[in-house]
Every structure is written in structure tokens, then in C-alpha cells.
PDB file of N, CA and C in Angstrom:
ATOM      1  N   MET A   1      -1.064  23.322  -8.787  1.00  0.00           N
ATOM      2  CA  MET A   1      -0.319  23.854  -9.660  1.00  0.00           C
ATOM      3  C   MET A   1       1.012  23.319  -8.702  1.00  0.00           C
ATOM      4  N   SER A   2       2.518  23.416  -9.846  1.00  0.00           N
ATOM      5  CA  SER A   2       3.245  22.674  -9.178  1.00  0.00           C
ATOM      6  C   SER A   2       4.599  23.939  -8.895  1.00  0.00           C
ATOM      7  N   PHE A   3       5.415  23.692  -8.005  1.00  0.00           N
ATOM      8  CA  PHE A   3       6.151  24.777  -7.370  1.00  0.00           C
ATOM      9  C   PHE A   3       7.436  23.918  -8.219  1.00  0.00           C
ATOM     10  N   THR A   4       8.228  24.519  -8.304  1.00  0.00           N
ATOM     11  CA  THR A   4       9.098  24.771 -10.083  1.00  0.00           C
ATOM     12  C   THR A   4      10.692  25.321  -9.318  1.00  0.00           C
ATOM     13  N   ILE A   5      11.332  24.771  -9.101  1.00  0.00           N
ATOM     14  CA  ILE A   5      12.777  24.788  -8.593  1.00  0.00           C
ATOM     15  C   ILE A   5      14.317  25.097  -9.921  1.00  0.00           C
ATOM     16  N   ASP A   6      14.401  25.883 -10.723  1.00  0.00           N
ATOM     17  CA  ASP A   6      14.973  26.373 -11.315  1.00  0.00           C
ATOM     18  C   ASP A   6      16.479  25.628 -10.610  1.00  0.00           C
ATOM     19  N   CYS A   7      17.845  25.198 -11.195  1.00  0.00           N
ATOM     20  CA  CYS A   7      18.823  25.014 -10.523  1.00  0.00           C
ATOM     21  C   CYS A   7      20.355  25.381 -11.514  1.00  0.00           C
ATOM     22  N   ARG A   8      20.114  26.152 -12.498  1.00  0.00           N
ATOM     23  CA  ARG A   8      20.624  26.936 -12.797  1.00  0.00           C
ATOM     24  C   ARG A   8      21.528  28.084 -11.604  1.00  0.00           C
ATOM     25  N   GLY A   9      22.848  27.634 -11.995  1.00  0.00           N
ATOM     26  CA  GLY A   9      23.764  28.147 -10.923  1.00  0.00           C
ATOM     27  C   GLY A   9      23.211  28.241  -9.536  1.00  0.00           C
ATOM     28  N   LYS A  10      22.868  27.145  -9.147  1.00  0.00           N
ATOM     29  CA  LYS A  10      23.023  26.746  -7.731  1.00  0.00           C
ATOM     30  C   LYS A  10      23.792  25.655  -7.428  1.00  0.00           C
ATOM     31  N   THR A  11      24.514  25.549  -6.476  1.00  0.00           N
ATOM     32  CA  THR A  11      25.202  24.371  -5.760  1.00  0.00           C
ATOM     33  C   THR A  11      23.745  22.924  -5.643  1.00  0.00           C
ATOM     34  N   THR A  12      24.807  22.042  -4.956  1.00  0.00           N
ATOM     35  CA  THR A  12      24.222  20.896  -5.287  1.00  0.00           C
ATOM     36  C   THR A  12      23.021  20.965  -3.656  1.00  0.00           C
ATOM     37  N   ARG A  13      23.351  21.889  -2.796  1.00  0.00           N
ATOM     38  CA  ARG A  13      23.515  22.333  -1.183  1.00  0.00           C
ATOM     39  C   ARG A  13      22.227  23.415  -1.172  1.00  0.00           C
ATOM     40  N   GLU A  14      22.218  24.147  -1.615  1.00  0.00           N
ATOM     41  CA  GLU A  14      21.037  25.264  -2.335  1.00  0.00           C
ATOM     42  C   GLU A  14      19.721  24.759  -2.565  1.00  0.00           C
ATOM     43  N   ILE A  15      20.090  23.851  -4.143  1.00  0.00           N
ATOM     44  CA  ILE A  15      18.715  23.093  -4.475  1.00  0.00           C
ATOM     45  C   ILE A  15      17.722  22.036  -3.261  1.00  0.00           C
ATOM     46  N   ASN A  16      19.098  21.248  -3.102  1.00  0.00           N
ATOM     47  CA  ASN A  16      18.156  20.481  -2.037  1.00  0.00           C
ATOM     48  C   ASN A  16      17.633  21.291  -0.757  1.00  0.00           C
ATOM     49  N   ARG A  17      18.149  22.191  -0.266  1.00  0.00           N
ATOM     50  CA  ARG A  17      17.900  23.308   1.172  1.00  0.00           C
ATOM     51  C   ARG A  17      16.609  23.473   0.065  1.00  0.00           C
ATOM     52  N   GLU A  18      16.402  24.352  -1.148  1.00  0.00           N
ATOM     53  CA  GLU A  18      15.207  25.012  -1.152  1.00  0.00           C
ATOM     54  C   GLU A  18      13.840  23.898  -1.705  1.00  0.00           C
ATOM     55  N   LEU A  19      14.556  23.258  -2.040  1.00  0.00           N
ATOM     56  CA  LEU A  19      13.157  21.462  -2.014  1.00  0.00           C
ATOM     57  C   LEU A  19      13.180  21.366  -0.199  1.00  0.00           C
ATOM     58  N   ARG A  20      13.886  21.103   0.485  1.00  0.00           N
ATOM     59  CA  ARG A  20      13.398  20.519   1.407  1.00  0.00           C
ATOM     60  C   ARG A  20      12.219  21.636   2.167  1.00  0.00           C
ATOM     61  N   GLN A  21      13.010  22.940   1.657  1.00  0.00           N
ATOM     62  CA  GLN A  21      11.862  24.475   2.035  1.00  0.00           C
ATOM     63  C   GLN A  21      10.952  24.587   2.086  1.00  0.00           C
ATOM     64  N   ALA A  22      10.529  23.737   0.764  1.00  0.00           N
ATOM     65  CA  ALA A  22       9.307  24.160  -0.560  1.00  0.00           C
ATOM     66  C   ALA A  22       8.825  22.975  -0.127  1.00  0.00           C
ATOM     67  N   ILE A  23       8.658  21.515   0.454  1.00  0.00           N
ATOM     68  CA  ILE A  23       8.120  20.861   0.812  1.00  0.00           C
ATOM     69  C   ILE A  23       7.844  20.938   2.690  1.00  0.00           C
ATOM     70  N   ALA A  24       8.384  21.337   3.595  1.00  0.00           N
ATOM     71  CA  ALA A  24       8.040  21.794   4.261  1.00  0.00           C
ATOM     72  C   ALA A  24       6.784  22.877   3.910  1.00  0.00           C
ATOM     73  N   ALA A  25       7.078  23.529   3.680  1.00  0.00           N
ATOM     74  CA  ALA A  25       6.168  24.837   3.120  1.00  0.00           C
ATOM     75  C   ALA A  25       4.512  24.186   2.768  1.00  0.00           C
ATOM     76  N   GLY A  26       4.502  22.919   2.715  1.00  0.00           N
ATOM     77  CA  GLY A  26       3.657  22.309   2.042  1.00  0.00           C
ATOM     78  C   GLY A  26       3.603  21.681   0.698  1.00  0.00           C
ATOM     79  N   GLN A  27       4.493  21.978  -0.478  1.00  0.00           N
ATOM     80  CA  GLN A  27       4.354  21.118  -1.443  1.00  0.00           C
ATOM     81  C   GLN A  27       4.432  20.638  -1.605  1.00  0.00           C
ATOM     82  N   ARG A  28       3.474  19.775  -2.655  1.00  0.00           N
ATOM     83  CA  ARG A  28       3.248  18.534  -2.810  1.00  0.00           C
ATOM     84  C   ARG A  28       3.743  17.553  -4.247  1.00  0.00           C
ATOM     85  N   ASP A  29       4.147  18.795  -5.130  1.00  0.00           N
ATOM     86  CA  ASP A  29       4.153  18.605  -6.605  1.00  0.00           C
ATOM     87  C   ASP A  29       4.865  19.726  -6.902  1.00  0.00           C
ATOM     88  N   LEU A  30       6.882  18.846  -7.309  1.00  0.00           N
ATOM     89  CA  LEU A  30       7.381  19.943  -7.243  1.00  0.00           C
ATOM     90  C   LEU A  30       8.127  19.681  -8.440  1.00  0.00           C
ATOM     91  N   ARG A  31       8.812  20.401  -9.533  1.00  0.00           N
ATOM     92  CA  ARG A  31       9.036  20.524 -10.518  1.00  0.00           C
ATOM     93  C   ARG A  31      11.001  20.641 -10.440  1.00  0.00           C
ATOM     94  N   ILE A  32      11.863  19.902 -10.920  1.00  0.00           N
ATOM     95  CA  ILE A  32      13.082  20.676 -11.021  1.00  0.00           C
ATOM     96  C   ILE A  32      13.414  20.507 -12.588  1.00  0.00           C
ATOM     97  N   LEU A  33      13.840  21.829 -12.402  1.00  0.00           N
ATOM     98  CA  LEU A  33      14.562  22.335 -14.090  1.00  0.00           C
ATOM     99  C   LEU A  33      16.501  22.404 -13.756  1.00  0.00           C
ATOM    100  N   GLU A  34      16.789  21.614 -15.079  1.00  0.00           N
ATOM    101  CA  GLU A  34      18.411  21.950 -14.859  1.00  0.00           C
ATOM    102  C   GLU A  34      18.977  21.689 -13.999  1.00  0.00           C
ATOM    103  N   PRO A  35      18.660  20.312 -13.846  1.00  0.00           N
ATOM    104  CA  PRO A  35      20.417  19.484 -12.964  1.00  0.00           C
ATOM    105  C   PRO A  35      21.220  19.478 -13.613  1.00  0.00           C
ATOM    106  N   ASP A  36      21.815  19.617 -14.602  1.00  0.00           N
ATOM    107  CA  ASP A  36      22.817  19.504 -14.987  1.00  0.00           C
ATOM    108  C   ASP A  36      23.532  18.440 -14.543  1.00  0.00           C
ATOM    109  N   ALA A  37      23.313  17.060 -14.575  1.00  0.00           N
ATOM    110  CA  ALA A  37      23.899  15.889 -14.227  1.00  0.00           C
ATOM    111  C   ALA A  37      24.028  15.751 -12.693  1.00  0.00           C
ATOM    112  N   ARG A  38      23.889  16.668 -11.452  1.00  0.00           N
ATOM    113  CA  ARG A  38      24.341  17.102 -10.486  1.00  0.00           C
ATOM    114  C   ARG A  38      24.084  15.321  -9.613  1.00  0.00           C
ATOM    115  N   HIS A  39      24.485  15.165  -8.764  1.00  0.00           N
ATOM    116  CA  HIS A  39      24.742  14.018  -7.865  1.00  0.00           C
ATOM    117  C   HIS A  39      24.036  14.530  -6.576  1.00  0.00           C
ATOM    118  N   ASN A  40      23.496  13.565  -5.918  1.00  0.00           N
ATOM    119  CA  ASN A  40      22.808  13.929  -4.980  1.00  0.00           C
ATOM    120  C   ASN A  40      21.373  14.947  -4.640  1.00  0.00           C
ATOM    121  N   LEU A  41      20.887  15.029  -5.122  1.00  0.00           N
ATOM    122  CA  LEU A  41      19.540  15.487  -5.540  1.00  0.00           C
ATOM    123  C   LEU A  41      18.570  14.931  -4.957  1.00  0.00           C
ATOM    124  N   GLY A  42      18.064  15.381  -3.661  1.00  0.00           N
ATOM    125  CA  GLY A  42      16.481  14.919  -2.784  1.00  0.00           C
ATOM    126  C   GLY A  42      16.589  13.989  -2.325  1.00  0.00           C
ATOM    127  N   VAL A  43      18.190  13.191  -1.079  1.00  0.00           N
ATOM    128  CA  VAL A  43      18.621  12.527  -1.108  1.00  0.00           C
ATOM    129  C   VAL A  43      17.460  12.399   0.353  1.00  0.00           C
ATOM    130  N   ALA A  44      17.020  11.110   0.998  1.00  0.00           N
ATOM    131  CA  ALA A  44      16.573  11.258   1.907  1.00  0.00           C
ATOM    132  C   ALA A  44      15.122  11.812   2.252  1.00  0.00           C
ATOM    133  N   LEU A  45      13.890  11.817   1.273  1.00  0.00           N
ATOM    134  CA  LEU A  45      13.035  12.394   1.376  1.00  0.00           C
ATOM    135  C   LEU A  45      11.536  11.388   1.730  1.00  0.00           C
ATOM    136  N   LEU A  46      10.980  12.133   2.821  1.00  0.00           N
ATOM    137  CA  LEU A  46      10.366  10.879   3.862  1.00  0.00           C
ATOM    138  C   LEU A  46       9.390  11.454   3.731  1.00  0.00           C
ATOM    139  N   GLU A  47       8.520  12.143   2.307  1.00  0.00           N
ATOM    140  CA  GLU A  47       7.376  12.624   2.551  1.00  0.00           C
ATOM    141  C   GLU A  47       5.842  11.750   1.447  1.00  0.00           C
ATOM    142  N   PRO A  48       5.543  12.377   1.388  1.00  0.00           N
ATOM    143  CA  PRO A  48       4.230  11.857  -0.388  1.00  0.00           C
ATOM    144  C   PRO A  48       4.518  12.913  -1.021  1.00  0.00           C
ATOM    145  N   VAL A  49       5.248  13.031  -1.757  1.00  0.00           N
ATOM    146  CA  VAL A  49       5.892  14.234  -2.734  1.00  0.00           C
ATOM    147  C   VAL A  49       5.905  13.911  -4.001  1.00  0.00           C
ATOM    148  N   ARG A  50       5.566  14.505  -5.328  1.00  0.00           N
ATOM    149  CA  ARG A  50       5.904  14.312  -6.797  1.00  0.00           C
ATOM    150  C   ARG A  50       6.859  15.478  -6.869  1.00  0.00           C
ATOM    151  N   ILE A  51       8.216  14.386  -7.286  1.00  0.00           N
ATOM    152  CA  ILE A  51       9.119  15.356  -8.125  1.00  0.00           C
ATOM    153  C   ILE A  51       9.248  15.010  -9.622  1.00  0.00           C
ATOM    154  N   VAL A  52       9.376  15.907 -10.461  1.00  0.00           N
ATOM    155  CA  VAL A  52       9.854  15.708 -11.718  1.00  0.00           C
ATOM    156  C   VAL A  52      10.520  16.507 -12.484  1.00  0.00           C
ATOM    157  N   SER A  53      11.724  15.591 -12.811  1.00  0.00           N
ATOM    158  CA  SER A  53      12.580  16.106 -13.395  1.00  0.00           C
ATOM    159  C   SER A  53      12.717  16.048 -14.848  1.00  0.00           C
ATOM    160  N   ARG A  54      13.206  17.504 -15.195  1.00  0.00           N
ATOM    161  CA  ARG A  54      12.450  17.819 -16.853  1.00  0.00           C
ATOM    162  C   ARG A  54      13.865  16.791 -17.711  1.00  0.00           C
ATOM    163  N   VAL A  55      14.807  16.888 -17.226  1.00  0.00           N
ATOM    164  CA  VAL A  55      15.932  16.338 -17.866  1.00  0.00           C
ATOM    165  C   VAL A  55      16.972  15.918 -17.448  1.00  0.00           C
ATOM    166  N   ALA A  56      17.587  15.609 -17.647  1.00  0.00           N
ATOM    167  CA  ALA A  56      18.183  13.955 -17.424  1.00  0.00           C
ATOM    168  C   ALA A  56      19.444  14.871 -16.005  1.00  0.00           C
ATOM    169  N   SER A  57      19.321  13.914 -15.473  1.00  0.00           N
ATOM    170  CA  SER A  57      20.037  13.836 -13.854  1.00  0.00           C
ATOM    171  C   SER A  57      20.515  13.146 -13.322  1.00  0.00           C
ATOM    172  N   VAL A  58      21.210  13.031 -12.701  1.00  0.00           N
ATOM    173  CA  VAL A  58      21.899  12.509 -11.593  1.00  0.00           C
ATOM    174  C   VAL A  58      21.686  11.576 -10.001  1.00  0.00           C
ATOM    175  N   ILE A  59      21.193  11.073  -9.720  1.00  0.00           N
ATOM    176  CA  ILE A  59      21.054  10.445  -8.658  1.00  0.00           C
ATOM    177  C   ILE A  59      19.491  11.435  -7.518  1.00  0.00           C
ATOM    178  N   ILE A  60      19.070  11.507  -8.910  1.00  0.00           N
ATOM    179  CA  ILE A  60      17.563  12.620  -8.302  1.00  0.00           C
ATOM    180  C   ILE A  60      16.854  11.973  -7.975  1.00  0.00           C
ATOM    181  N   GLY A  61      16.018  11.997  -6.175  1.00  0.00           N
ATOM    182  CA  GLY A  61      15.245  11.135  -5.654  1.00  0.00           C
ATOM    183  C   GLY A  61      15.654  10.087  -5.419  1.00  0.00           C
ATOM    184  N   ALA A  62      17.224   9.645  -5.306  1.00  0.00           N
ATOM    185  CA  ALA A  62      17.366   8.916  -5.066  1.00  0.00           C
ATOM    186  C   ALA A  62      17.714   7.944  -3.417  1.00  0.00           C
ATOM    187  N   GLY A  63      18.118   7.866  -2.847  1.00  0.00           N
ATOM    188  CA  GLY A  63      19.229   6.974  -1.785  1.00  0.00           C
ATOM    189  C   GLY A  63      18.593   7.608  -0.082  1.00  0.00           C
ATOM    190  N   MET A  64      17.951   6.506   0.292  1.00  0.00           N
ATOM    191  CA  MET A  64      16.600   6.225   1.483  1.00  0.00           C
ATOM    192  C   MET A  64      15.637   7.088   1.115  1.00  0.00           C
ATOM    193  N   MET A  65      15.056   7.056   0.503  1.00  0.00           N
ATOM    194  CA  MET A  65      13.921   8.064   0.646  1.00  0.00           C
ATOM    195  C   MET A  65      12.620   6.870   0.986  1.00  0.00           C
ATOM    196  N   ASP A  66      11.631   7.366   1.423  1.00  0.00           N
ATOM    197  CA  ASP A  66      10.292   6.698   1.171  1.00  0.00           C
ATOM    198  C   ASP A  66       8.969   7.663   1.372  1.00  0.00           C
ATOM    199  N   GLY A  67       8.619   6.634   0.723  1.00  0.00           N
ATOM    200  CA  GLY A  67       7.052   7.570   0.053  1.00  0.00           C
ATOM    201  C   GLY A  67       7.321   8.149  -0.647  1.00  0.00           C
ATOM    202  N   ALA A  68       8.507   9.347  -1.223  1.00  0.00           N
ATOM    203  CA  ALA A  68       8.339  10.185  -2.711  1.00  0.00           C
ATOM    204  C   ALA A  68       8.216   9.271  -4.171  1.00  0.00           C
ATOM    205  N   HIS A  69       7.533  10.185  -4.859  1.00  0.00           N
ATOM    206  CA  HIS A  69       7.227   9.937  -5.893  1.00  0.00           C
ATOM    207  C   HIS A  69       8.083  10.347  -7.281  1.00  0.00           C
ATOM    208  N   VAL A  70       9.313  10.124  -7.675  1.00  0.00           N
ATOM    209  CA  VAL A  70       9.717  10.923  -8.027  1.00  0.00           C
ATOM    210  C   VAL A  70      10.223  10.286  -9.690  1.00  0.00           C
ATOM    211  N   GLU A  71       9.910  11.306 -10.993  1.00  0.00           N
ATOM    212  CA  GLU A  71      10.023  10.763 -12.034  1.00  0.00           C
ATOM    213  C   GLU A  71      10.919  11.197 -12.893  1.00  0.00           C
ATOM    214  N   VAL A  72      11.832  10.777 -13.694  1.00  0.00           N
ATOM    215  CA  VAL A  72      13.100  11.604 -14.273  1.00  0.00           C
ATOM    216  C   VAL A  72      12.516  11.683 -16.071  1.00  0.00           C
ATOM    217  N   ARG A  73      12.893  12.826 -16.195  1.00  0.00           N
ATOM    218  CA  ARG A  73      11.896  12.744 -17.760  1.00  0.00           C
ATOM    219  C   ARG A  73      13.220  12.998 -19.073  1.00  0.00           C
ATOM    220  N   GLY A  74      14.285  11.395 -18.615  1.00  0.00           N
ATOM    221  CA  GLY A  74      15.852  11.267 -19.012  1.00  0.00           C
ATOM    222  C   GLY A  74      16.098  10.152 -19.195  1.00  0.00           C
ATOM    223  N   SER A  75      17.644  10.422 -18.587  1.00  0.00           N
ATOM    224  CA  SER A  75      17.841   9.744 -17.895  1.00  0.00           C
ATOM    225  C   SER A  75      18.951   9.525 -16.726  1.00  0.00           C
ATOM    226  N   ALA A  76      18.728   8.681 -15.785  1.00  0.00           N
ATOM    227  CA  ALA A  76      19.870   9.182 -14.169  1.00  0.00           C
ATOM    228  C   ALA A  76      20.895   8.174 -14.038  1.00  0.00           C
ATOM    229  N   GLY A  77      21.951   8.627 -13.515  1.00  0.00           N
ATOM    230  CA  GLY A  77      23.302   8.491 -13.729  1.00  0.00           C
ATOM    231  C   GLY A  77      23.483   7.072 -12.753  1.00  0.00           C
ATOM    232  N   TRP A  78      24.396   6.657 -12.424  1.00  0.00           N
ATOM    233  CA  TRP A  78      24.370   5.584 -11.230  1.00  0.00           C
ATOM    234  C   TRP A  78      23.855   6.116  -9.467  1.00  0.00           C
ATOM    235  N   GLY A  79      23.464   5.042  -9.256  1.00  0.00           N
ATOM    236  CA  GLY A  79      23.051   4.972  -7.839  1.00  0.00           C
ATOM    237  C   GLY A  79      21.607   5.781  -7.796  1.00  0.00           C
ATOM    238  N   ALA A  80      20.824   6.059  -8.859  1.00  0.00           N
ATOM    239  CA  ALA A  80      19.314   6.544  -8.185  1.00  0.00           C
ATOM    240  C   ALA A  80      18.436   5.257  -7.733  1.00  0.00           C
ATOM    241  N   ALA A  81      17.861   5.539  -6.195  1.00  0.00           N
ATOM    242  CA  ALA A  81      16.844   5.175  -5.870  1.00  0.00           C
ATOM    243  C   ALA A  81      17.628   4.204  -4.930  1.00  0.00           C
ATOM    244  N   GLU A  82      19.069   4.380  -4.808  1.00  0.00           N
ATOM    245  CA  GLU A  82      19.642   3.151  -3.786  1.00  0.00           C
ATOM    246  C   GLU A  82      19.378   3.724  -2.191  1.00  0.00           C
ATOM    247  N   SER A  83      18.862   2.462  -1.979  1.00  0.00           N
ATOM    248  CA  SER A  83      18.442   1.969  -0.269  1.00  0.00           C
ATOM    249  C   SER A  83      17.104   2.604  -0.282  1.00  0.00           C
ATOM    250  N   MET A  84      16.425   2.389  -1.472  1.00  0.00           N
ATOM    251  CA  MET A  84      15.210   3.082  -1.038  1.00  0.00           C
ATOM    252  C   MET A  84      13.905   2.389   0.066  1.00  0.00           C
ATOM    253  N   MET A  85      12.881   3.001   0.524  1.00  0.00           N
ATOM    254  CA  MET A  85      12.563   2.133   1.869  1.00  0.00           C
ATOM    255  C   MET A  85      10.863   1.753   1.266  1.00  0.00           C
ATOM    256  N   GLY A  86      10.676   2.924   0.764  1.00  0.00           N
ATOM    257  CA  GLY A  86       8.737   3.129   0.121  1.00  0.00           C
ATOM    258  C   GLY A  86       8.983   4.064  -1.316  1.00  0.00           C
ATOM    259  N   GLY A  87       7.823   4.376  -1.624  1.00  0.00           N
ATOM    260  CA  GLY A  87       7.865   5.042  -2.793  1.00  0.00           C
ATOM    261  C   GLY A  87       7.637   4.749  -4.417  1.00  0.00           C
ATOM    262  N   ALA A  88       8.166   5.415  -5.430  1.00  0.00           N
ATOM    263  CA  ALA A  88       8.446   5.219  -6.677  1.00  0.00           C
ATOM    264  C   ALA A  88       9.416   6.152  -7.238  1.00  0.00           C
ATOM    265  N   VAL A  89      10.080   5.553  -8.002  1.00  0.00           N
ATOM    266  CA  VAL A  89      10.960   5.605  -9.105  1.00  0.00           C
ATOM    267  C   VAL A  89      10.762   5.472  -9.901  1.00  0.00           C
ATOM    268  N   VAL A  90      10.480   6.471 -11.079  1.00  0.00           N
ATOM    269  CA  VAL A  90      10.354   6.510 -12.432  1.00  0.00           C
ATOM    270  C   VAL A  90      11.124   7.029 -13.625  1.00  0.00           C
ATOM    271  N   ILE A  91      11.881   6.194 -14.074  1.00  0.00           N
ATOM    272  CA  ILE A  91      12.828   7.110 -15.484  1.00  0.00           C
ATOM    273  C   ILE A  91      13.100   6.886 -17.070  1.00  0.00           C
ATOM    274  N   ASP A  92      11.990   7.510 -17.092  1.00  0.00           N
ATOM    275  CA  ASP A  92      12.009   7.390 -18.788  1.00  0.00           C
ATOM    276  C   ASP A  92      13.026   7.458 -19.923  1.00  0.00           C
ATOM    277  N   GLY A  93      14.005   7.140 -19.170  1.00  0.00           N
ATOM    278  CA  GLY A  93      15.258   7.233 -20.110  1.00  0.00           C
ATOM    279  C   GLY A  93      16.016   5.787 -19.549  1.00  0.00           C
ATOM    280  N   ASN A  94      17.365   5.385 -19.239  1.00  0.00           N
ATOM    281  CA  ASN A  94      18.946   5.333 -19.121  1.00  0.00           C
ATOM    282  C   ASN A  94      18.545   5.343 -17.470  1.00  0.00           C
ATOM    283  N   ALA A  95      19.310   4.002 -16.988  1.00  0.00           N
ATOM    284  CA  ALA A  95      19.770   4.022 -15.579  1.00  0.00           C
ATOM    285  C   ALA A  95      21.472   3.850 -15.550  1.00  0.00           C
ATOM    286  N   GLY A  96      22.596   3.982 -14.542  1.00  0.00           N
ATOM    287  CA  GLY A  96      23.971   3.965 -14.635  1.00  0.00           C
ATOM    288  C   GLY A  96      23.821   2.999 -13.644  1.00  0.00           C
ATOM    289  N   SER A  97      24.840   2.380 -13.117  1.00  0.00           N
ATOM    290  CA  SER A  97      25.446   1.086 -12.355  1.00  0.00           C
ATOM    291  C   SER A  97      24.711   1.846 -11.063  1.00  0.00           C
ATOM    292  N   GLY A  98      24.484   0.416 -10.464  1.00  0.00           N
ATOM    293  CA  GLY A  98      23.780   0.434  -8.954  1.00  0.00           C
ATOM    294  C   GLY A  98      22.773   1.279  -9.147  1.00  0.00           C
ATOM    295  N   LEU A  99      21.624   0.937  -9.909  1.00  0.00           N
ATOM    296  CA  LEU A  99      20.475   1.419 -10.013  1.00  0.00           C
ATOM    297  C   LEU A  99      19.401  -0.042  -8.804  1.00  0.00           C
ATOM    298  N   ALA A 100      19.063   1.200  -7.679  1.00  0.00           N
ATOM    299  CA  ALA A 100      17.912   0.366  -6.994  1.00  0.00           C
ATOM    300  C   ALA A 100      18.628  -0.452  -5.781  1.00  0.00           C
ATOM    301  N   ALA A 101      20.403  -0.194  -5.705  1.00  0.00           N
ATOM    302  CA  ALA A 101      21.048  -1.035  -4.756  1.00  0.00           C
ATOM    303  C   ALA A 101      20.542  -1.341  -3.478  1.00  0.00           C
ATOM    304  N   SER A 102      20.147  -2.073  -3.388  1.00  0.00           N
ATOM    305  CA  SER A 102      19.933  -2.541  -1.647  1.00  0.00           C
ATOM    306  C   SER A 102      18.379  -1.666  -1.131  1.00  0.00           C
ATOM    307  N   ILE A 103      17.685  -1.552  -1.761  1.00  0.00           N
ATOM    308  CA  ILE A 103      16.493  -1.310  -2.019  1.00  0.00           C
ATOM    309  C   ILE A 103      15.336  -2.150  -0.664  1.00  0.00           C
ATOM    310  N   ARG A 104      15.074  -2.029   0.562  1.00  0.00           N
ATOM    311  CA  ARG A 104      13.814  -2.688   0.669  1.00  0.00           C
ATOM    312  C   ARG A 104      12.690  -2.444   0.496  1.00  0.00           C
ATOM    313  N   GLY A 105      11.749  -1.442  -0.350  1.00  0.00           N
ATOM    314  CA  GLY A 105      10.393  -0.949  -1.008  1.00  0.00           C
ATOM    315  C   GLY A 105      10.241  -0.870  -1.802  1.00  0.00           C
ATOM    316  N   GLY A 106       9.077  -0.081  -2.068  1.00  0.00           N
ATOM    317  CA  GLY A 106       8.887   1.222  -2.929  1.00  0.00           C
ATOM    318  C   GLY A 106       8.710  -0.316  -4.453  1.00  0.00           C
ATOM    319  N   THR A 107       8.851   1.392  -5.155  1.00  0.00           N
ATOM    320  CA  THR A 107       8.794   0.383  -6.846  1.00  0.00           C
ATOM    321  C   THR A 107       9.597   0.978  -7.641  1.00  0.00           C
ATOM    322  N   VAL A 108      11.061   0.786  -8.343  1.00  0.00           N
ATOM    323  CA  VAL A 108      11.427   1.503  -9.284  1.00  0.00           C
ATOM    324  C   VAL A 108      10.956   1.124 -11.328  1.00  0.00           C
ATOM    325  N   VAL A 109      11.117   1.773 -11.895  1.00  0.00           N
ATOM    326  CA  VAL A 109      10.192   1.391 -13.659  1.00  0.00           C
ATOM    327  C   VAL A 109      11.291   2.508 -14.329  1.00  0.00           C
ATOM    328  N   VAL A 110      12.275   1.809 -15.064  1.00  0.00           N
ATOM    329  CA  VAL A 110      13.429   1.809 -15.906  1.00  0.00           C
ATOM    330  C   VAL A 110      12.605   1.830 -17.433  1.00  0.00           C
ATOM    331  N   ARG A 111      12.461   2.852 -17.848  1.00  0.00           N
ATOM    332  CA  ARG A 111      11.888   2.650 -19.037  1.00  0.00           C
ATOM    333  C   ARG A 111      13.220   2.265 -20.750  1.00  0.00           C
ATOM    334  N   GLY A 112      14.398   2.638 -20.212  1.00  0.00           N
ATOM    335  CA  GLY A 112      15.437   2.334 -21.413  1.00  0.00           C
ATOM    336  C   GLY A 112      15.682   1.117 -20.588  1.00  0.00           C
ATOM    337  N   ASP A 113      17.519   1.303 -20.852  1.00  0.00           N
ATOM    338  CA  ASP A 113      18.075   0.275 -20.356  1.00  0.00           C
ATOM    339  C   ASP A 113      18.796   0.744 -18.766  1.00  0.00           C
ATOM    340  N   ALA A 114      19.362  -0.412 -18.005  1.00  0.00           N
ATOM    341  CA  ALA A 114      19.816  -0.800 -16.490  1.00  0.00           C
ATOM    342  C   ALA A 114      20.945  -0.930 -16.556  1.00  0.00           C
ATOM    343  N   ALA A 115      22.351  -0.018 -16.477  1.00  0.00           N
ATOM    344  CA  ALA A 115      23.647  -0.650 -16.167  1.00  0.00           C
ATOM    345  C   ALA A 115      23.856  -1.712 -15.399  1.00  0.00           C
ATOM    346  N   ALA A 116      25.455  -2.094 -15.267  1.00  0.00           N
ATOM    347  CA  ALA A 116      25.324  -3.068 -14.155  1.00  0.00           C
ATOM    348  C   ALA A 116      24.664  -2.756 -12.476  1.00  0.00           C
ATOM    349  N   ARG A 117      24.811  -4.183 -11.426  1.00  0.00           N
ATOM    350  CA  ARG A 117      24.938  -4.235 -10.640  1.00  0.00           C
ATOM    351  C   ARG A 117      23.280  -3.667 -10.296  1.00  0.00           C
ATOM    352  N   ALA A 118      22.400  -3.116 -11.025  1.00  0.00           N
ATOM    353  CA  ALA A 118      21.366  -2.911 -11.084  1.00  0.00           C
ATOM    354  C   ALA A 118      20.655  -3.783 -10.037  1.00  0.00           C
ATOM    355  N   GLY A 119      19.734  -3.667  -8.661  1.00  0.00           N
ATOM    356  CA  GLY A 119      18.915  -4.286  -7.660  1.00  0.00           C
ATOM    357  C   GLY A 119      19.576  -5.679  -7.046  1.00  0.00           C
ATOM    358  N   VAL A 120      21.352  -4.877  -6.508  1.00  0.00           N
ATOM    359  CA  VAL A 120      21.682  -6.027  -5.988  1.00  0.00           C
ATOM    360  C   VAL A 120      21.545  -5.307  -4.817  1.00  0.00           C
ATOM    361  N   PRO A 121      21.531  -6.485  -3.631  1.00  0.00           N
ATOM    362  CA  PRO A 121      20.899  -6.411  -2.127  1.00  0.00           C
ATOM    363  C   PRO A 121      22.326  -6.068  -1.716  1.00  0.00           C
TER     364      PRO A 121
END
């Protein structure tokens, strides 16, 4: 059973705090609902967790992660998976500029199109 975080009415800081508290409490399968294209959600995830965002989001599970598996069921904006060390990011839609910039490991899959500067070192 997955743990659900509804982002409606919450700041990015509140969402990230709730996400980290759930992971610290042992949750390993999380769902993010209604991220409304917020930036910087799920940055620096260092645990082996699975996070699914059910609608388009920006930079969900992105920068500096190592070990998480993040699925975006929609499109992701600029900078998704930036500086990733390990894990996986799967985007069912399109990805914005700077996708997977400066990654050192892991897997990034985009089932749509990726904008400029994807995968730059």
C-alpha cells in the first residue's frame, strides 16, 4: 500500500517536509497528487524509495538523488534528474530543458520529447 501526499494548499517546503517525514517513518512507496508544476519537489532523495506523481510536475525527484525511483505520469519541466547519482527517473510525457544535466549514474527514461541541453555534462 502506498502513502499519498496531496499537495493542494501546501508550499513546496511543506510538501518536501511531509515527503521526508514519510520516508523517515519507513514509507517506501509514495504517491504525489496535484503538484501543480511546483519546482524542487523531492530533491536529494538518498533512500531506495518509489515515488509516483500522477499529474504533470516540475523537477519532481530531481536534483542530487541517489537510489530513488521516480515516475512522473505526465510531463516534467526543466532540470528534472539534474545531478543524479543513482536511481531512476521515468517520465511518461515530455521533459523540459536541462533534463539529466550533470548526472553521474542512474537511468533516465523520457517517453515523449526532451528539450535542449538534455544530458549535458
